[in-house]
Amino acid sequence: MAIESLPKDPMMLLSFVNTRLRDDGISLDDFASQFQVERSYIEEKLDKIGYTYNNDLRKFI
């Protein structure tokens, strides 16, 4: 998969990322690797709408 597969809308991206993290039981780093994108790209996009990644919960809150 590639970055082109990710939703462009930040709220849709949030939902997509959190769902995949939960359902696949993977870390944000694993997710970023699967989609061939830097982890920071996801974090920056979601930070703009007020969400940060929580390592303990393994999701954006």
C-alpha atoms as a PDB file:
ATOM      1  CA  MET A   1       0.000   0.000   0.000  1.00  0.00           C
ATOM      2  CA  ALA A   2       1.071   3.556  -0.463  1.00  0.00           C
ATOM      3  CA  ILE A   3       0.356   7.016   0.835  1.00  0.00           C
ATOM      4  CA  GLU A   4      -2.105   7.526  -2.044  1.00  0.00           C
ATOM      5  CA  SER A   5      -4.362   4.981  -0.306  1.00  0.00           C
ATOM      6  CA  LEU A   6      -4.752   7.170   2.769  1.00  0.00           C
ATOM      7  CA  PRO A   7      -7.781   9.443   3.147  1.00  0.00           C
ATOM      8  CA  LYS A   8      -7.013  13.094   2.432  1.00  0.00           C
ATOM      9  CA  ASP A   9      -9.596  14.499   4.865  1.00  0.00           C
ATOM     10  CA  PRO A  10      -8.029  14.685   8.361  1.00  0.00           C
ATOM     11  CA  MET A  11     -11.131  13.356  10.166  1.00  0.00           C
ATOM     12  CA  MET A  12     -11.376  10.416   7.775  1.00  0.00           C
ATOM     13  CA  LEU A  13      -7.646   9.813   8.227  1.00  0.00           C
ATOM     14  CA  LEU A  14      -8.106   9.781  12.006  1.00  0.00           C
ATOM     15  CA  SER A  15     -10.857   7.201  11.774  1.00  0.00           C
ATOM     16  CA  PHE A  16      -8.934   5.100   9.271  1.00  0.00           C
ATOM     17  CA  VAL A  17      -5.682   5.107  11.251  1.00  0.00           C
ATOM     18  CA  ASN A  18      -7.283   4.366  14.622  1.00  0.00           C
ATOM     19  CA  THR A  19      -9.387   1.576  13.122  1.00  0.00           C
ATOM     20  CA  ARG A  20      -6.378  -0.063  11.498  1.00  0.00           C
ATOM     21  CA  LEU A  21      -4.275   0.287  14.652  1.00  0.00           C
ATOM     22  CA  ARG A  22      -7.015  -1.348  16.697  1.00  0.00           C
ATOM     23  CA  ASP A  23      -8.141  -4.032  14.264  1.00  0.00           C
ATOM     24  CA  ASP A  24      -4.677  -5.046  13.087  1.00  0.00           C
ATOM     25  CA  GLY A  25      -3.079  -4.710  16.518  1.00  0.00           C
ATOM     26  CA  ILE A  26      -0.134  -2.777  15.113  1.00  0.00           C
ATOM     27  CA  SER A  27       1.908   0.209  16.179  1.00  0.00           C
ATOM     28  CA  LEU A  28       1.910   3.579  14.444  1.00  0.00           C
ATOM     29  CA  ASP A  29       5.380   2.795  13.142  1.00  0.00           C
ATOM     30  CA  ASP A  30       4.114  -0.455  11.583  1.00  0.00           C
ATOM     31  CA  PHE A  31       1.169   1.385  10.061  1.00  0.00           C
ATOM     32  CA  ALA A  32       3.441   4.041   8.571  1.00  0.00           C
ATOM     33  CA  SER A  33       5.683   1.369   7.129  1.00  0.00           C
ATOM     34  CA  GLN A  34       2.727  -0.445   5.541  1.00  0.00           C
ATOM     35  CA  PHE A  35       1.613   2.760   3.826  1.00  0.00           C
ATOM     36  CA  GLN A  36       5.140   3.866   2.929  1.00  0.00           C
ATOM     37  CA  VAL A  37       4.763   7.161   4.731  1.00  0.00           C
ATOM     38  CA  GLU A  38       6.736   8.849   7.472  1.00  0.00           C
ATOM     39  CA  ARG A  39       5.142   8.576  10.888  1.00  0.00           C
ATOM     40  CA  SER A  40       5.606  12.326  11.262  1.00  0.00           C
ATOM     41  CA  TYR A  41       3.373  12.938   8.218  1.00  0.00           C
ATOM     42  CA  ILE A  42       0.432  11.254   9.972  1.00  0.00           C
ATOM     43  CA  GLU A  43       1.177  12.894  13.309  1.00  0.00           C
ATOM     44  CA  GLU A  44       1.395  16.360  11.753  1.00  0.00           C
ATOM     45  CA  LYS A  45      -1.848  15.999   9.791  1.00  0.00           C
ATOM     46  CA  LEU A  46      -3.756  14.833  12.866  1.00  0.00           C
ATOM     47  CA  ASP A  47      -2.125  17.381  15.160  1.00  0.00           C
ATOM     48  CA  LYS A  48      -3.689  20.096  12.988  1.00  0.00           C
ATOM     49  CA  ILE A  49      -7.137  18.889  14.101  1.00  0.00           C
ATOM     50  CA  GLY A  50      -6.100  18.499  17.747  1.00  0.00           C
ATOM     51  CA  TYR A  51      -5.179  14.801  17.960  1.00  0.00           C
ATOM     52  CA  THR A  52      -1.941  13.333  19.264  1.00  0.00           C
ATOM     53  CA  TYR A  53      -0.733   9.757  19.344  1.00  0.00           C
ATOM     54  CA  ASN A  54      -0.831   8.001  22.712  1.00  0.00           C
ATOM     55  CA  ASN A  55       1.765   5.205  22.852  1.00  0.00           C
ATOM     56  CA  ASP A  56       0.151   3.486  25.825  1.00  0.00           C
ATOM     57  CA  LEU A  57      -3.292   3.316  24.205  1.00  0.00           C
ATOM     58  CA  ARG A  58      -1.856   2.903  20.691  1.00  0.00           C
ATOM     59  CA  LYS A  59      -4.297   5.372  19.188  1.00  0.00           C
ATOM     60  CA  PHE A  60      -4.801   9.054  18.480  1.00  0.00           C
ATOM     61  CA  ILE A  61      -6.738  10.908  21.151  1.00  0.00           C
END
